[in-house]
Protein backbone atom coordinates (compact mmCIF):
# COMPACT_ATOMS: atom_id res chain seq x y z
CA LEU A 1 30.66 12.19 -122.47
CA GLY A 2 32.64 13.60 -119.56
CA VAL A 3 31.08 11.10 -117.16
CA LEU A 4 31.91 8.21 -119.50
CA TYR A 5 35.57 9.23 -119.61
CA LEU A 6 35.67 9.89 -115.87
CA ASP A 7 34.31 6.41 -115.09
CA GLY A 8 35.82 4.55 -118.03
CA ARG A 9 32.42 3.36 -119.23
CA GLY A 10 32.78 2.14 -122.83
CA VAL A 11 36.04 4.10 -123.18
CA GLU A 12 39.41 4.08 -121.49
CA ARG A 13 39.28 6.02 -118.22
CA ASN A 14 40.77 9.46 -118.89
CA ALA A 15 40.33 12.36 -116.46
CA GLU A 16 41.82 14.86 -118.92
CA GLN A 17 39.25 13.92 -121.57
CA ALA A 18 36.49 14.03 -118.96
CA ARG A 19 37.57 17.52 -117.93
CA SER A 20 37.67 18.62 -121.58
CA TRP A 21 34.08 17.45 -122.14
CA PHE A 22 32.90 18.94 -118.86
CA LEU A 23 34.47 22.28 -119.85
CA ARG A 24 32.64 22.26 -123.18
CA ALA A 25 29.33 21.63 -121.46
CA ALA A 26 30.06 24.07 -118.61
CA GLN A 27 30.74 26.85 -121.11
CA LYS A 28 27.18 26.26 -122.31
CA ASN A 29 25.95 26.64 -118.70
CA HIS A 30 25.36 22.95 -118.03
CA PRO A 31 25.09 22.83 -114.21
CA GLU A 32 26.00 19.14 -113.80
CA ALA A 33 29.21 19.67 -115.78
CA GLN A 34 30.00 22.74 -113.68
CA TYR A 35 29.45 20.69 -110.53
CA ASN A 36 31.80 17.96 -111.77
CA LEU A 37 34.47 20.55 -112.66
CA GLY A 38 34.17 21.84 -109.10
CA HIS A 39 34.79 18.37 -107.73
CA MET A 40 37.73 17.84 -110.09
CA SER A 41 39.23 21.17 -109.00
CA LEU A 42 38.80 20.33 -105.33
CA SER A 43 40.40 16.91 -105.64
CA GLY A 44 43.10 17.88 -108.15
CA MET A 45 41.80 15.48 -110.78
CA ALA A 46 43.33 16.37 -114.20
CA VAL A 47 44.00 19.86 -112.88
CA GLU A 48 45.99 21.42 -110.05
CA LYS A 49 44.08 21.27 -106.76
CA ASP A 50 42.31 24.62 -106.41
CA MET A 51 39.65 25.36 -103.80
CA ASP A 52 38.87 28.75 -105.36
CA ALA A 53 38.15 27.18 -108.75
CA ALA A 54 36.01 24.49 -107.09
CA LEU A 55 33.92 27.09 -105.31
CA GLU A 56 33.52 29.17 -108.45
CA TRP A 57 32.32 26.15 -110.46
CA TRP A 58 29.91 25.23 -107.67
CA ARG A 59 28.63 28.82 -107.53
CA ARG A 60 27.87 28.71 -111.25
CA SER A 61 26.23 25.31 -110.96
CA ALA A 62 24.19 26.46 -107.95
CA GLU A 63 22.95 29.42 -109.98
CA GLY A 64 21.87 26.90 -112.60
CA GLY A 65 19.74 25.13 -110.00
CA TYR A 66 21.90 22.05 -109.40
CA ALA A 67 21.05 20.85 -105.87
CA GLN A 68 24.40 19.29 -104.99
CA ALA A 69 26.21 22.48 -105.97
CA GLN A 70 23.71 24.55 -104.01
CA PHE A 71 24.62 22.51 -100.93
CA ASN A 72 28.38 22.60 -101.55
CA TYR A 73 28.51 26.33 -102.23
CA GLY A 74 25.98 27.14 -99.52
CA ARG A 75 27.99 25.16 -96.99
CA ALA A 76 31.17 26.93 -98.05
CA LEU A 77 29.49 30.30 -97.49
CA TYR A 78 28.03 29.14 -94.18
CA LEU A 79 31.41 27.92 -92.92
CA GLY A 80 33.34 30.88 -94.27
CA ILE A 81 35.73 28.91 -96.42
CA ARG A 82 36.71 32.02 -98.41
CA GLY A 83 36.73 34.41 -95.48
CA GLU A 84 34.07 35.52 -93.05
CA PRO A 85 31.14 33.13 -92.83
CA ASP A 86 27.94 34.31 -94.48
CA MET A 87 25.50 32.11 -92.66
CA VAL A 88 22.43 33.84 -94.10
CA ALA A 89 23.39 33.41 -97.77
CA GLY A 90 24.70 29.92 -96.99
CA LEU A 91 21.40 28.87 -95.43
CA VAL A 92 19.44 30.21 -98.38
CA LEU A 93 21.37 27.87 -100.68
CA ILE A 94 21.36 24.92 -98.28
CA ARG A 95 17.59 25.20 -97.89
CA ARG A 96 17.16 25.47 -101.65
CA ALA A 97 19.30 22.34 -102.08
CA ALA A 98 17.16 20.47 -99.53
CA THR A 99 14.01 21.61 -101.33
CA ASN A 100 15.56 20.36 -104.57
CA GLY A 101 16.12 16.92 -103.05
CA ASP A 102 19.72 16.98 -101.82
CA ALA A 103 19.81 14.57 -98.87
CA ARG A 104 23.07 16.03 -97.52
CA ALA A 105 21.43 19.46 -97.31
CA GLN A 106 18.44 18.10 -95.43
CA GLN A 107 20.75 16.19 -93.11
CA PHE A 108 22.80 19.36 -92.48
CA LEU A 109 19.62 21.28 -91.60
CA ASP A 110 18.37 18.47 -89.36
CA GLU A 111 21.69 18.09 -87.52
CA ASN A 112 22.13 21.85 -87.02
CA LYS A 113 18.58 22.88 -86.07
CA ALA A 114 19.60 24.97 -83.05
CA GLU A 115 22.34 26.80 -84.92
CA VAL A 116 20.10 27.38 -87.94
CA ALA A 117 17.35 28.73 -85.68
CA ALA A 118 19.85 31.08 -84.04
CA VAL A 119 20.85 32.43 -87.46
CA ASP A 120 17.19 32.85 -88.42
CA ASP A 121 16.48 34.73 -85.18
CA ARG A 122 19.36 37.20 -85.47
CA PRO A 123 18.28 40.79 -85.87
CA PRO A 124 19.22 42.21 -89.26
CA VAL A 125 22.31 44.36 -88.79
CA LEU A 126 24.74 45.48 -91.46
CA ASP A 127 27.42 43.00 -90.36
CA SER A 128 25.12 40.03 -90.91
CA VAL A 129 23.46 41.18 -94.14
CA SER A 130 24.04 38.77 -96.99
CA PRO A 131 26.01 39.69 -100.12
CA LEU A 132 22.69 39.66 -101.96
CA ALA A 133 21.48 42.68 -100.00
CA ILE A 134 24.84 44.46 -100.17
CA SER A 135 24.97 44.02 -103.93
CA GLY A 136 21.62 45.73 -104.32
CA ALA A 137 19.84 42.50 -105.22
CA ASP A 138 16.50 41.74 -103.64
CA PRO A 139 17.45 39.40 -100.74
CA THR A 140 14.02 37.78 -100.86
CA ASP A 141 14.67 36.82 -104.48
CA ASN A 142 16.82 33.85 -103.30
CA THR A 143 19.32 34.15 -106.14
CA VAL A 144 23.06 33.91 -105.74
CA SER A 145 25.08 37.06 -106.30
CA THR A 146 27.28 36.81 -109.37
CA GLU A 147 30.10 38.70 -107.70
CA LYS A 148 32.51 37.07 -105.31
CA ARG A 149 31.94 38.69 -101.93
CA HIS A 150 34.55 36.84 -99.98
CA THR A 151 38.27 37.42 -99.72
CA ASP A 152 40.80 34.74 -100.50
CA ASP A 153 42.01 32.90 -97.43
CA ARG A 154 44.24 29.98 -98.38
CA VAL A 155 44.84 28.86 -94.81
CA ILE A 156 41.14 28.45 -94.03
CA SER A 157 40.58 26.83 -97.43
CA GLN A 158 43.28 24.24 -96.84
CA ILE A 159 42.05 23.42 -93.34
CA LYS A 160 38.41 23.04 -94.35
CA GLU A 161 39.10 21.44 -97.74
CA THR A 162 39.35 18.04 -96.13
CA THR A 163 35.94 18.45 -94.51
CA LEU A 164 34.29 19.29 -97.82
CA ALA A 165 36.17 16.59 -99.73
CA GLU A 166 34.70 13.94 -97.44
CA THR A 167 31.17 14.71 -98.63
CA GLU A 168 31.77 15.58 -102.27
CA THR A 169 31.11 12.89 -104.82
CA PRO A 170 31.08 13.62 -108.53
CA VAL A 171 27.87 12.76 -110.30
CA SER A 172 29.44 9.80 -112.03
CA ARG A 173 30.45 8.19 -108.73
CA ARG A 174 27.09 8.30 -106.97
CA ALA A 175 25.30 5.05 -106.35
CA PRO A 176 22.26 4.57 -108.58
CA GLN A 177 18.99 5.50 -106.88
């Protein structure tokens, strides 16, 4: 129902109603709804613009296996949008998104082959260990840590927000495939 209200399909377009329906579904761990809430938070649609909320919704959606959220959240980790970049954890999610069919993730990997290879070739030292390993989780398990491991950094978020916003499209706005 959230998508119908967001697009105005069969009902009057209403972002507040869309958000309400997305919240209901997200509370029941629906990854597509969580992804859409992330996009709405990023763009300030029916809610105050909030990069932190967007990233948190995408993290939850990524944990639920939603490929677009895996790319968005993985890219945010890779770029260090919340603090220091975590290229290792970011690449895990970006690769998972590509495996799950996200074309943007595959394009990112293709366009950044040299940089990705350099990250893969780095020797494992404490400074480059992913939050998964620090949290005690098995880093080969390829799951996302449920704890936030990055500090808030509004300045970086605001600078990079534009970059992310250019590639984010809510589910309802994608062209049919």
